Amino acid sequence: MLARPAVAGIAAACLLLLLSVVFLAGCGGRTLDTSRLETQIGRTLSERSGLPITSVDCPNDVKAKKGGQFACTVTTSSKERVRVNVTQDDDQGGVTWKLAGPLKR
């Protein structure tokens, strides 16, 4: 049977290992925070087009990689769906996005 200090030490080591894995996943296998991108795309398109944007959906498992590309889908209040093409400018989360087609008014 383990003494309480040993159990506490094992628990602390497990927690440290878990945090290390999360940290490494955030750095070595870094993924983009696409929820922030969804908010930015929705806000920008709404302000520029004057159309209410009801949702923006981007994949949530995008690896950060310079030159990487992925697509998001914008849905307007009239249920129109438009693709947004996203290109990663760097591996730090910088992206450029562009509508693949026009938003209908």
PDB file of N, CA and C in Angstrom:
ATOM      1  N   MET A   1       0.842  -1.179   0.000  1.00  0.00           N
ATOM      2  CA  MET A   1       0.000   0.000   0.000  1.00  0.00           C
ATOM      3  C   MET A   1       0.888   1.244   0.000  1.00  0.00           C
ATOM      4  N   LEU A   2       0.518   2.238  -0.786  1.00  0.00           N
ATOM      5  CA  LEU A   2       1.304   3.454  -0.889  1.00  0.00           C
ATOM      6  C   LEU A   2       0.951   4.425   0.218  1.00  0.00           C
ATOM      7  N   ALA A   3       1.959   5.084   0.721  1.00  0.00           N
ATOM      8  CA  ALA A   3       1.722   6.109   1.731  1.00  0.00           C
ATOM      9  C   ALA A   3       1.124   7.332   1.057  1.00  0.00           C
ATOM     10  N   ARG A   4       0.416   8.144   1.805  1.00  0.00           N
ATOM     11  CA  ARG A   4      -0.226   9.342   1.247  1.00  0.00           C
ATOM     12  C   ARG A   4       0.743  10.256   0.499  1.00  0.00           C
ATOM     13  N   PRO A   5       1.957  10.530   1.007  1.00  0.00           N
ATOM     14  CA  PRO A   5       2.868  11.391   0.243  1.00  0.00           C
ATOM     15  C   PRO A   5       3.205  10.790  -1.126  1.00  0.00           C
ATOM     16  N   ALA A   6       3.326   9.476  -1.195  1.00  0.00           N
ATOM     17  CA  ALA A   6       3.633   8.839  -2.472  1.00  0.00           C
ATOM     18  C   ALA A   6       2.465   8.995  -3.440  1.00  0.00           C
ATOM     19  N   VAL A   7       1.244   8.817  -2.944  1.00  0.00           N
ATOM     20  CA  VAL A   7       0.058   8.971  -3.786  1.00  0.00           C
ATOM     21  C   VAL A   7      -0.038  10.414  -4.283  1.00  0.00           C
ATOM     22  N   ALA A   8       0.220  11.367  -3.393  1.00  0.00           N
ATOM     23  CA  ALA A   8       0.184  12.777  -3.789  1.00  0.00           C
ATOM     24  C   ALA A   8       1.257  13.061  -4.830  1.00  0.00           C
ATOM     25  N   GLY A   9       2.426  12.462  -4.677  1.00  0.00           N
ATOM     26  CA  GLY A   9       3.506  12.657  -5.641  1.00  0.00           C
ATOM     27  C   GLY A   9       3.155  12.073  -6.999  1.00  0.00           C
ATOM     28  N   ILE A  10       2.532  10.895  -7.002  1.00  0.00           N
ATOM     29  CA  ILE A  10       2.107  10.269  -8.257  1.00  0.00           C
ATOM     30  C   ILE A  10       1.037  11.118  -8.922  1.00  0.00           C
ATOM     31  N   ALA A  11       0.077  11.611  -8.147  1.00  0.00           N
ATOM     32  CA  ALA A  11      -0.979  12.456  -8.699  1.00  0.00           C
ATOM     33  C   ALA A  11      -0.383  13.725  -9.302  1.00  0.00           C
ATOM     34  N   ALA A  12       0.583  14.318  -8.602  1.00  0.00           N
ATOM     35  CA  ALA A  12       1.224  15.536  -9.119  1.00  0.00           C
ATOM     36  C   ALA A  12       1.999  15.225 -10.397  1.00  0.00           C
ATOM     37  N   ALA A  13       2.683  14.085 -10.432  1.00  0.00           N
ATOM     38  CA  ALA A  13       3.436  13.703 -11.628  1.00  0.00           C
ATOM     39  C   ALA A  13       2.488  13.467 -12.804  1.00  0.00           C
ATOM     40  N   CYS A  14       1.349  12.818 -12.536  1.00  0.00           N
ATOM     41  CA  CYS A  14       0.360  12.576 -13.602  1.00  0.00           C
ATOM     42  C   CYS A  14      -0.197  13.898 -14.125  1.00  0.00           C
ATOM     43  N   LEU A  15      -0.481  14.826 -13.224  1.00  0.00           N
ATOM     44  CA  LEU A  15      -0.998  16.124 -13.627  1.00  0.00           C
ATOM     45  C   LEU A  15       0.041  16.861 -14.466  1.00  0.00           C
ATOM     46  N   LEU A  16       1.303  16.805 -14.047  1.00  0.00           N
ATOM     47  CA  LEU A  16       2.381  17.446 -14.797  1.00  0.00           C
ATOM     48  C   LEU A  16       2.516  16.814 -16.178  1.00  0.00           C
ATOM     49  N   LEU A  17       2.415  15.486 -16.248  1.00  0.00           N
ATOM     50  CA  LEU A  17       2.490  14.794 -17.531  1.00  0.00           C
ATOM     51  C   LEU A  17       1.328  15.213 -18.422  1.00  0.00           C
ATOM     52  N   LEU A  18       0.129  15.287 -17.875  1.00  0.00           N
ATOM     53  CA  LEU A  18      -1.042  15.697 -18.632  1.00  0.00           C
ATOM     54  C   LEU A  18      -0.862  17.118 -19.161  1.00  0.00           C
ATOM     55  N   LEU A  19      -0.396  18.033 -18.318  1.00  0.00           N
ATOM     56  CA  LEU A  19      -0.165  19.403 -18.755  1.00  0.00           C
ATOM     57  C   LEU A  19       0.917  19.457 -19.822  1.00  0.00           C
ATOM     58  N   SER A  20       1.937  18.618 -19.711  1.00  0.00           N
ATOM     59  CA  SER A  20       2.999  18.580 -20.719  1.00  0.00           C
ATOM     60  C   SER A  20       2.440  18.119 -22.055  1.00  0.00           C
ATOM     61  N   VAL A  21       1.578  17.119 -22.031  1.00  0.00           N
ATOM     62  CA  VAL A  21       0.986  16.624 -23.265  1.00  0.00           C
ATOM     63  C   VAL A  21       0.119  17.706 -23.898  1.00  0.00           C
ATOM     64  N   VAL A  22      -0.679  18.395 -23.090  1.00  0.00           N
ATOM     65  CA  VAL A  22      -1.504  19.486 -23.611  1.00  0.00           C
ATOM     66  C   VAL A  22      -0.622  20.589 -24.171  1.00  0.00           C
ATOM     67  N   PHE A  23       0.443  20.926 -23.458  1.00  0.00           N
ATOM     68  CA  PHE A  23       1.363  21.967 -23.916  1.00  0.00           C
ATOM     69  C   PHE A  23       2.019  21.563 -25.228  1.00  0.00           C
ATOM     70  N   LEU A  24       2.490  20.328 -25.328  1.00  0.00           N
ATOM     71  CA  LEU A  24       3.128  19.879 -26.554  1.00  0.00           C
ATOM     72  C   LEU A  24       2.139  19.843 -27.710  1.00  0.00           C
ATOM     73  N   ALA A  25       0.915  19.448 -27.425  1.00  0.00           N
ATOM     74  CA  ALA A  25      -0.096  19.434 -28.481  1.00  0.00           C
ATOM     75  C   ALA A  25      -0.347  20.850 -28.957  1.00  0.00           C
ATOM     76  N   GLY A  26      -0.228  21.813 -28.049  1.00  0.00           N
ATOM     77  CA  GLY A  26      -0.441  23.205 -28.424  1.00  0.00           C
ATOM     78  C   GLY A  26       0.742  23.797 -29.168  1.00  0.00           C
ATOM     79  N   CYS A  27       1.937  23.232 -28.993  1.00  0.00           N
ATOM     80  CA  CYS A  27       3.127  23.796 -29.633  1.00  0.00           C
ATOM     81  C   CYS A  27       3.587  22.956 -30.814  1.00  0.00           C
ATOM     82  N   GLY A  28       3.946  21.707 -30.547  1.00  0.00           N
ATOM     83  CA  GLY A  28       4.469  20.866 -31.610  1.00  0.00           C
ATOM     84  C   GLY A  28       3.417  20.530 -32.645  1.00  0.00           C
ATOM     85  N   GLY A  29       2.253  20.127 -32.202  1.00  0.00           N
ATOM     86  CA  GLY A  29       1.170  19.789 -33.104  1.00  0.00           C
ATOM     87  C   GLY A  29       0.116  20.872 -33.042  1.00  0.00           C
ATOM     88  N   ARG A  30       0.534  22.109 -33.038  1.00  0.00           N
ATOM     89  CA  ARG A  30      -0.346  23.259 -32.844  1.00  0.00           C
ATOM     90  C   ARG A  30      -1.513  23.237 -33.813  1.00  0.00           C
ATOM     91  N   THR A  31      -2.703  23.475 -33.276  1.00  0.00           N
ATOM     92  CA  THR A  31      -3.887  23.625 -34.115  1.00  0.00           C
ATOM     93  C   THR A  31      -4.389  25.060 -33.980  1.00  0.00           C
ATOM     94  N   LEU A  32      -5.076  25.506 -35.004  1.00  0.00           N
ATOM     95  CA  LEU A  32      -5.596  26.872 -35.006  1.00  0.00           C
ATOM     96  C   LEU A  32      -6.845  26.978 -34.146  1.00  0.00           C
ATOM     97  N   ASP A  33      -7.033  28.135 -33.553  1.00  0.00           N
ATOM     98  CA  ASP A  33      -8.262  28.429 -32.815  1.00  0.00           C
ATOM     99  C   ASP A  33      -9.270  28.958 -33.826  1.00  0.00           C
ATOM    100  N   THR A  34      -9.947  28.038 -34.498  1.00  0.00           N
ATOM    101  CA  THR A  34     -10.860  28.452 -35.562  1.00  0.00           C
ATOM    102  C   THR A  34     -12.133  29.101 -35.031  1.00  0.00           C
ATOM    103  N   SER A  35     -12.418  28.950 -33.751  1.00  0.00           N
ATOM    104  CA  SER A  35     -13.603  29.627 -33.198  1.00  0.00           C
ATOM    105  C   SER A  35     -13.415  31.146 -33.256  1.00  0.00           C
ATOM    106  N   ARG A  36     -12.215  31.609 -33.038  1.00  0.00           N
ATOM    107  CA  ARG A  36     -11.933  33.049 -33.164  1.00  0.00           C
ATOM    108  C   ARG A  36     -12.056  33.501 -34.612  1.00  0.00           C
ATOM    109  N   LEU A  37     -11.611  32.662 -35.534  1.00  0.00           N
ATOM    110  CA  LEU A  37     -11.725  32.968 -36.951  1.00  0.00           C
ATOM    111  C   LEU A  37     -13.196  33.030 -37.367  1.00  0.00           C
ATOM    112  N   GLU A  38     -14.000  32.106 -36.875  1.00  0.00           N
ATOM    113  CA  GLU A  38     -15.432  32.111 -37.181  1.00  0.00           C
ATOM    114  C   GLU A  38     -16.074  33.423 -36.747  1.00  0.00           C
ATOM    115  N   THR A  39     -15.728  33.882 -35.558  1.00  0.00           N
ATOM    116  CA  THR A  39     -16.262  35.145 -35.047  1.00  0.00           C
ATOM    117  C   THR A  39     -15.829  36.307 -35.934  1.00  0.00           C
ATOM    118  N   GLN A  40     -14.553  36.333 -36.309  1.00  0.00           N
ATOM    119  CA  GLN A  40     -14.028  37.424 -37.144  1.00  0.00           C
ATOM    120  C   GLN A  40     -14.696  37.440 -38.518  1.00  0.00           C
ATOM    121  N   ILE A  41     -14.810  36.272 -39.143  1.00  0.00           N
ATOM    122  CA  ILE A  41     -15.440  36.199 -40.468  1.00  0.00           C
ATOM    123  C   ILE A  41     -16.888  36.661 -40.381  1.00  0.00           C
ATOM    124  N   GLY A  42     -17.643  36.173 -39.422  1.00  0.00           N
ATOM    125  CA  GLY A  42     -19.050  36.556 -39.277  1.00  0.00           C
ATOM    126  C   GLY A  42     -19.223  38.042 -39.061  1.00  0.00           C
ATOM    127  N   ARG A  43     -18.426  38.603 -38.174  1.00  0.00           N
ATOM    128  CA  ARG A  43     -18.514  40.034 -37.870  1.00  0.00           C
ATOM    129  C   ARG A  43     -18.148  40.882 -39.097  1.00  0.00           C
ATOM    130  N   THR A  44     -17.056  40.535 -39.745  1.00  0.00           N
ATOM    131  CA  THR A  44     -16.595  41.308 -40.900  1.00  0.00           C
ATOM    132  C   THR A  44     -17.595  41.244 -42.052  1.00  0.00           C
ATOM    133  N   LEU A  45     -18.074  40.047 -42.369  1.00  0.00           N
ATOM    134  CA  LEU A  45     -19.034  39.924 -43.464  1.00  0.00           C
ATOM    135  C   LEU A  45     -20.340  40.649 -43.164  1.00  0.00           C
ATOM    136  N   SER A  46     -20.802  40.571 -41.946  1.00  0.00           N
ATOM    137  CA  SER A  46     -22.030  41.261 -41.558  1.00  0.00           C
ATOM    138  C   SER A  46     -21.869  42.770 -41.688  1.00  0.00           C
ATOM    139  N   GLU A  47     -20.737  43.303 -41.197  1.00  0.00           N
ATOM    140  CA  GLU A  47     -20.490  44.747 -41.268  1.00  0.00           C
ATOM    141  C   GLU A  47     -20.344  45.224 -42.709  1.00  0.00           C
ATOM    142  N   ARG A  48     -19.638  44.464 -43.527  1.00  0.00           N
ATOM    143  CA  ARG A  48     -19.363  44.894 -44.906  1.00  0.00           C
ATOM    144  C   ARG A  48     -20.531  44.682 -45.855  1.00  0.00           C
ATOM    145  N   SER A  49     -21.313  43.634 -45.626  1.00  0.00           N
ATOM    146  CA  SER A  49     -22.404  43.327 -46.547  1.00  0.00           C
ATOM    147  C   SER A  49     -23.751  43.876 -46.078  1.00  0.00           C
ATOM    148  N   GLY A  50     -23.868  44.115 -44.780  1.00  0.00           N
ATOM    149  CA  GLY A  50     -25.140  44.531 -44.223  1.00  0.00           C
ATOM    150  C   GLY A  50     -26.113  43.374 -44.051  1.00  0.00           C
ATOM    151  N   LEU A  51     -25.669  42.165 -44.349  1.00  0.00           N
ATOM    152  CA  LEU A  51     -26.519  40.983 -44.203  1.00  0.00           C
ATOM    153  C   LEU A  51     -26.275  40.320 -42.855  1.00  0.00           C
ATOM    154  N   PRO A  52     -27.334  39.886 -42.202  1.00  0.00           N
ATOM    155  CA  PRO A  52     -27.139  39.154 -40.946  1.00  0.00           C
ATOM    156  C   PRO A  52     -26.526  37.771 -41.225  1.00  0.00           C
ATOM    157  N   ILE A  53     -25.433  37.477 -40.571  1.00  0.00           N
ATOM    158  CA  ILE A  53     -24.777  36.174 -40.684  1.00  0.00           C
ATOM    159  C   ILE A  53     -25.200  35.358 -39.466  1.00  0.00           C
ATOM    160  N   THR A  54     -25.836  34.218 -39.707  1.00  0.00           N
ATOM    161  CA  THR A  54     -26.322  33.416 -38.586  1.00  0.00           C
ATOM    162  C   THR A  54     -25.276  32.442 -38.057  1.00  0.00           C
ATOM    163  N   SER A  55     -24.370  31.987 -38.945  1.00  0.00           N
ATOM    164  CA  SER A  55     -23.317  31.097 -38.458  1.00  0.00           C
ATOM    165  C   SER A  55     -22.145  31.067 -39.432  1.00  0.00           C
ATOM    166  N   VAL A  56     -20.998  30.728 -38.863  1.00  0.00           N
ATOM    167  CA  VAL A  56     -19.792  30.458 -39.638  1.00  0.00           C
ATOM    168  C   VAL A  56     -19.226  29.176 -39.052  1.00  0.00           C
ATOM    169  N   ASP A  57     -19.015  28.201 -39.908  1.00  0.00           N
ATOM    170  CA  ASP A  57     -18.496  26.909 -39.449  1.00  0.00           C
ATOM    171  C   ASP A  57     -17.171  26.603 -40.134  1.00  0.00           C
ATOM    172  N   CYS A  58     -16.128  26.470 -39.300  1.00  0.00           N
ATOM    173  CA  CYS A  58     -14.804  26.104 -39.774  1.00  0.00           C
ATOM    174  C   CYS A  58     -14.417  24.790 -39.102  1.00  0.00           C
ATOM    175  N   PRO A  59     -13.565  23.999 -39.732  1.00  0.00           N
ATOM    176  CA  PRO A  59     -13.101  22.785 -39.058  1.00  0.00           C
ATOM    177  C   PRO A  59     -12.351  23.162 -37.786  1.00  0.00           C
ATOM    178  N   ASN A  60     -12.422  22.314 -36.779  1.00  0.00           N
ATOM    179  CA  ASN A  60     -11.765  22.660 -35.515  1.00  0.00           C
ATOM    180  C   ASN A  60     -10.483  21.877 -35.269  1.00  0.00           C
ATOM    181  N   ASP A  61     -10.011  21.151 -36.257  1.00  0.00           N
ATOM    182  CA  ASP A  61      -8.795  20.360 -36.082  1.00  0.00           C
ATOM    183  C   ASP A  61      -7.740  20.717 -37.125  1.00  0.00           C
ATOM    184  N   VAL A  62      -7.639  22.001 -37.448  1.00  0.00           N
ATOM    185  CA  VAL A  62      -6.711  22.463 -38.482  1.00  0.00           C
ATOM    186  C   VAL A  62      -5.315  22.633 -37.882  1.00  0.00           C
ATOM    187  N   LYS A  63      -4.361  21.910 -38.443  1.00  0.00           N
ATOM    188  CA  LYS A  63      -2.965  22.035 -38.000  1.00  0.00           C
ATOM    189  C   LYS A  63      -2.391  23.348 -38.511  1.00  0.00           C
ATOM    190  N   ALA A  64      -1.666  24.044 -37.655  1.00  0.00           N
ATOM    191  CA  ALA A  64      -1.030  25.302 -38.048  1.00  0.00           C
ATOM    192  C   ALA A  64       0.142  24.991 -38.963  1.00  0.00           C
ATOM    193  N   LYS A  65       0.045  25.456 -40.212  1.00  0.00           N
ATOM    194  CA  LYS A  65       1.089  25.194 -41.190  1.00  0.00           C
ATOM    195  C   LYS A  65       1.073  26.287 -42.243  1.00  0.00           C
ATOM    196  N   LYS A  66       2.184  26.971 -42.398  1.00  0.00           N
ATOM    197  CA  LYS A  66       2.269  28.030 -43.401  1.00  0.00           C
ATOM    198  C   LYS A  66       1.887  27.470 -44.767  1.00  0.00           C
ATOM    199  N   GLY A  67       0.979  28.165 -45.446  1.00  0.00           N
ATOM    200  CA  GLY A  67       0.520  27.733 -46.757  1.00  0.00           C
ATOM    201  C   GLY A  67      -0.636  26.753 -46.717  1.00  0.00           C
ATOM    202  N   GLY A  68      -0.979  26.271 -45.523  1.00  0.00           N
ATOM    203  CA  GLY A  68      -2.103  25.340 -45.394  1.00  0.00           C
ATOM    204  C   GLY A  68      -3.409  26.013 -45.796  1.00  0.00           C
ATOM    205  N   GLN A  69      -4.327  25.225 -46.322  1.00  0.00           N
ATOM    206  CA  GLN A  69      -5.615  25.762 -46.752  1.00  0.00           C
ATOM    207  C   GLN A  69      -6.749  24.924 -46.196  1.00  0.00           C
ATOM    208  N   PHE A  70      -7.869  25.584 -45.945  1.00  0.00           N
ATOM    209  CA  PHE A  70      -9.083  24.900 -45.527  1.00  0.00           C
ATOM    210  C   PHE A  70     -10.261  25.787 -45.870  1.00  0.00           C
ATOM    211  N   ALA A  71     -11.453  25.268 -45.697  1.00  0.00           N
ATOM    212  CA  ALA A  71     -12.657  26.027 -46.046  1.00  0.00           C
ATOM    213  C   ALA A  71     -13.597  26.116 -44.851  1.00  0.00           C
ATOM    214  N   CYS A  72     -14.297  27.224 -44.780  1.00  0.00           N
ATOM    215  CA  CYS A  72     -15.341  27.443 -43.793  1.00  0.00           C
ATOM    216  C   CYS A  72     -16.650  27.672 -44.562  1.00  0.00           C
ATOM    217  N   THR A  73     -17.768  27.543 -43.885  1.00  0.00           N
ATOM    218  CA  THR A  73     -19.058  27.785 -44.512  1.00  0.00           C
ATOM    219  C   THR A  73     -19.800  28.866 -43.736  1.00  0.00           C
ATOM    220  N   VAL A  74     -20.247  29.878 -44.463  1.00  0.00           N
ATOM    221  CA  VAL A  74     -21.017  30.983 -43.887  1.00  0.00           C
ATOM    222  C   VAL A  74     -22.488  30.744 -44.213  1.00  0.00           C
ATOM    223  N   THR A  75     -23.359  30.947 -43.237  1.00  0.00           N
ATOM    224  CA  THR A  75     -24.799  30.855 -43.467  1.00  0.00           C
ATOM    225  C   THR A  75     -25.424  32.185 -43.097  1.00  0.00           C
ATOM    226  N   THR A  76     -26.231  32.727 -44.024  1.00  0.00           N
ATOM    227  CA  THR A  76     -26.908  34.001 -43.784  1.00  0.00           C
ATOM    228  C   THR A  76     -28.288  33.747 -43.180  1.00  0.00           C
ATOM    229  N   SER A  77     -28.934  34.825 -42.764  1.00  0.00           N
ATOM    230  CA  SER A  77     -30.263  34.693 -42.173  1.00  0.00           C
ATOM    231  C   SER A  77     -31.301  34.186 -43.178  1.00  0.00           C
ATOM    232  N   SER A  78     -31.005  34.313 -44.479  1.00  0.00           N
ATOM    233  CA  SER A  78     -31.916  33.792 -45.503  1.00  0.00           C
ATOM    234  C   SER A  78     -31.547  32.355 -45.889  1.00  0.00           C
ATOM    235  N   LYS A  79     -30.727  31.703 -45.069  1.00  0.00           N
ATOM    236  CA  LYS A  79     -30.306  30.306 -45.234  1.00  0.00           C
ATOM    237  C   LYS A  79     -29.364  30.079 -46.416  1.00  0.00           C
ATOM    238  N   GLU A  80     -28.832  31.145 -46.977  1.00  0.00           N
ATOM    239  CA  GLU A  80     -27.848  31.024 -48.044  1.00  0.00           C
ATOM    240  C   GLU A  80     -26.538  30.545 -47.420  1.00  0.00           C
ATOM    241  N   ARG A  81     -25.885  29.602 -48.098  1.00  0.00           N
ATOM    242  CA  ARG A  81     -24.597  29.088 -47.631  1.00  0.00           C
ATOM    243  C   ARG A  81     -23.530  29.441 -48.654  1.00  0.00           C
ATOM    244  N   VAL A  82     -22.433  30.018 -48.161  1.00  0.00           N
ATOM    245  CA  VAL A  82     -21.332  30.431 -49.038  1.00  0.00           C
ATOM    246  C   VAL A  82     -20.027  29.908 -48.439  1.00  0.00           C
ATOM    247  N   ARG A  83     -19.183  29.418 -49.299  1.00  0.00           N
ATOM    248  CA  ARG A  83     -17.876  28.895 -48.876  1.00  0.00           C
ATOM    249  C   ARG A  83     -16.890  30.048 -48.709  1.00  0.00           C
ATOM    250  N   VAL A  84     -16.041  29.932 -47.699  1.00  0.00           N
ATOM    251  CA  VAL A  84     -14.944  30.872 -47.465  1.00  0.00           C
ATOM    252  C   VAL A  84     -13.650  30.073 -47.535  1.00  0.00           C
ATOM    253  N   ASN A  85     -12.759  30.460 -48.444  1.00  0.00           N
ATOM    254  CA  ASN A  85     -11.455  29.801 -48.575  1.00  0.00           C
ATOM    255  C   ASN A  85     -10.454  30.499 -47.672  1.00  0.00           C
ATOM    256  N   VAL A  86      -9.751  29.714 -46.870  1.00  0.00           N
ATOM    257  CA  VAL A  86      -8.793  30.259 -45.904  1.00  0.00           C
ATOM    258  C   VAL A  86      -7.405  29.715 -46.224  1.00  0.00           C
ATOM    259  N   THR A  87      -6.417  30.608 -46.243  1.00  0.00           N
ATOM    260  CA  THR A  87      -5.018  30.232 -46.439  1.00  0.00           C
ATOM    261  C   THR A  87      -4.230  30.706 -45.225  1.00  0.00           C
ATOM    262  N   GLN A  88      -3.391  29.840 -44.707  1.00  0.00           N
ATOM    263  CA  GLN A  88      -2.570  30.189 -43.546  1.00  0.00           C
ATOM    264  C   GLN A  88      -1.330  30.948 -44.014  1.00  0.00           C
ATOM    265  N   ASP A  89      -1.180  32.160 -43.503  1.00  0.00           N
ATOM    266  CA  ASP A  89      -0.051  33.015 -43.861  1.00  0.00           C
ATOM    267  C   ASP A  89       1.237  32.603 -43.158  1.00  0.00           C
ATOM    268  N   ASP A  90       1.102  31.969 -42.013  1.00  0.00           N
ATOM    269  CA  ASP A  90       2.248  31.517 -41.230  1.00  0.00           C
ATOM    270  C   ASP A  90       1.800  30.346 -40.373  1.00  0.00           C
ATOM    271  N   ASP A  91       2.671  29.877 -39.501  1.00  0.00           N
ATOM    272  CA  ASP A  91       2.280  28.778 -38.613  1.00  0.00           C
ATOM    273  C   ASP A  91       1.945  29.287 -37.207  1.00  0.00           C
ATOM    274  N   GLN A  92       1.658  30.584 -37.106  1.00  0.00           N
ATOM    275  CA  GLN A  92       1.332  31.205 -35.824  1.00  0.00           C
ATOM    276  C   GLN A  92      -0.141  31.596 -35.724  1.00  0.00           C
ATOM    277  N   GLY A  93      -0.935  31.255 -36.717  1.00  0.00           N
ATOM    278  CA  GLY A  93      -2.360  31.577 -36.673  1.00  0.00           C
ATOM    279  C   GLY A  93      -2.780  32.698 -37.602  1.00  0.00           C
ATOM    280  N   GLY A  94      -1.838  33.299 -38.305  1.00  0.00           N
ATOM    281  CA  GLY A  94      -2.178  34.350 -39.266  1.00  0.00           C
ATOM    282  C   GLY A  94      -2.800  33.737 -40.509  1.00  0.00           C
ATOM    283  N   VAL A  95      -3.971  34.234 -40.893  1.00  0.00           N
ATOM    284  CA  VAL A  95      -4.668  33.690 -42.057  1.00  0.00           C
ATOM    285  C   VAL A  95      -5.193  34.805 -42.952  1.00  0.00           C
ATOM    286  N   THR A  96      -5.460  34.439 -44.190  1.00  0.00           N
ATOM    287  CA  THR A  96      -6.142  35.299 -45.144  1.00  0.00           C
ATOM    288  C   THR A  96      -7.353  34.517 -45.620  1.00  0.00           C
ATOM    289  N   TRP A  97      -8.511  35.165 -45.669  1.00  0.00           N
ATOM    290  CA  TRP A  97      -9.700  34.458 -46.128  1.00  0.00           C
ATOM    291  C   TRP A  97     -10.418  35.259 -47.198  1.00  0.00           C
ATOM    292  N   LYS A  98     -11.165  34.525 -48.047  1.00  0.00           N
ATOM    293  CA  LYS A  98     -11.857  35.149 -49.147  1.00  0.00           C
ATOM    294  C   LYS A  98     -13.105  34.334 -49.474  1.00  0.00           C
ATOM    295  N   LEU A  99     -14.214  35.044 -49.741  1.00  0.00           N
ATOM    296  CA  LEU A  99     -15.439  34.359 -50.155  1.00  0.00           C
ATOM    297  C   LEU A  99     -15.212  33.667 -51.490  1.00  0.00           C
ATOM    298  N   ALA A 100     -15.729  32.449 -51.631  1.00  0.00           N
ATOM    299  CA  ALA A 100     -15.597  31.708 -52.883  1.00  0.00           C
ATOM    300  C   ALA A 100     -16.666  32.145 -53.887  1.00  0.00           C
ATOM    301  N   GLY A 101     -17.679  32.835 -53.414  1.00  0.00           N
ATOM    302  CA  GLY A 101     -18.750  33.322 -54.286  1.00  0.00           C
ATOM    303  C   GLY A 101     -19.428  34.507 -53.622  1.00  0.00           C
ATOM    304  N   PRO A 102     -20.311  35.179 -54.347  1.00  0.00           N
ATOM    305  CA  PRO A 102     -20.960  36.364 -53.786  1.00  0.00           C
ATOM    306  C   PRO A 102     -22.070  36.014 -52.799  1.00  0.00           C
ATOM    307  N   LEU A 103     -22.311  36.937 -51.888  1.00  0.00           N
ATOM    308  CA  LEU A 103     -23.475  36.853 -51.004  1.00  0.00           C
ATOM    309  C   LEU A 103     -24.645  37.516 -51.716  1.00  0.00           C
ATOM    310  N   LYS A 104     -25.769  36.838 -51.783  1.00  0.00           N
ATOM    311  CA  LYS A 104     -26.949  37.404 -52.441  1.00  0.00           C
ATOM    312  C   LYS A 104     -27.656  38.356 -51.489  1.00  0.00           C
ATOM    313  N   ARG A 105     -28.157  39.434 -52.023  1.00  0.00           N
ATOM    314  CA  ARG A 105     -28.887  40.405 -51.205  1.00  0.00           C
ATOM    315  C   ARG A 105     -30.365  40.223 -51.343  1.00  0.00           C
TER     316      ARG A 105
END
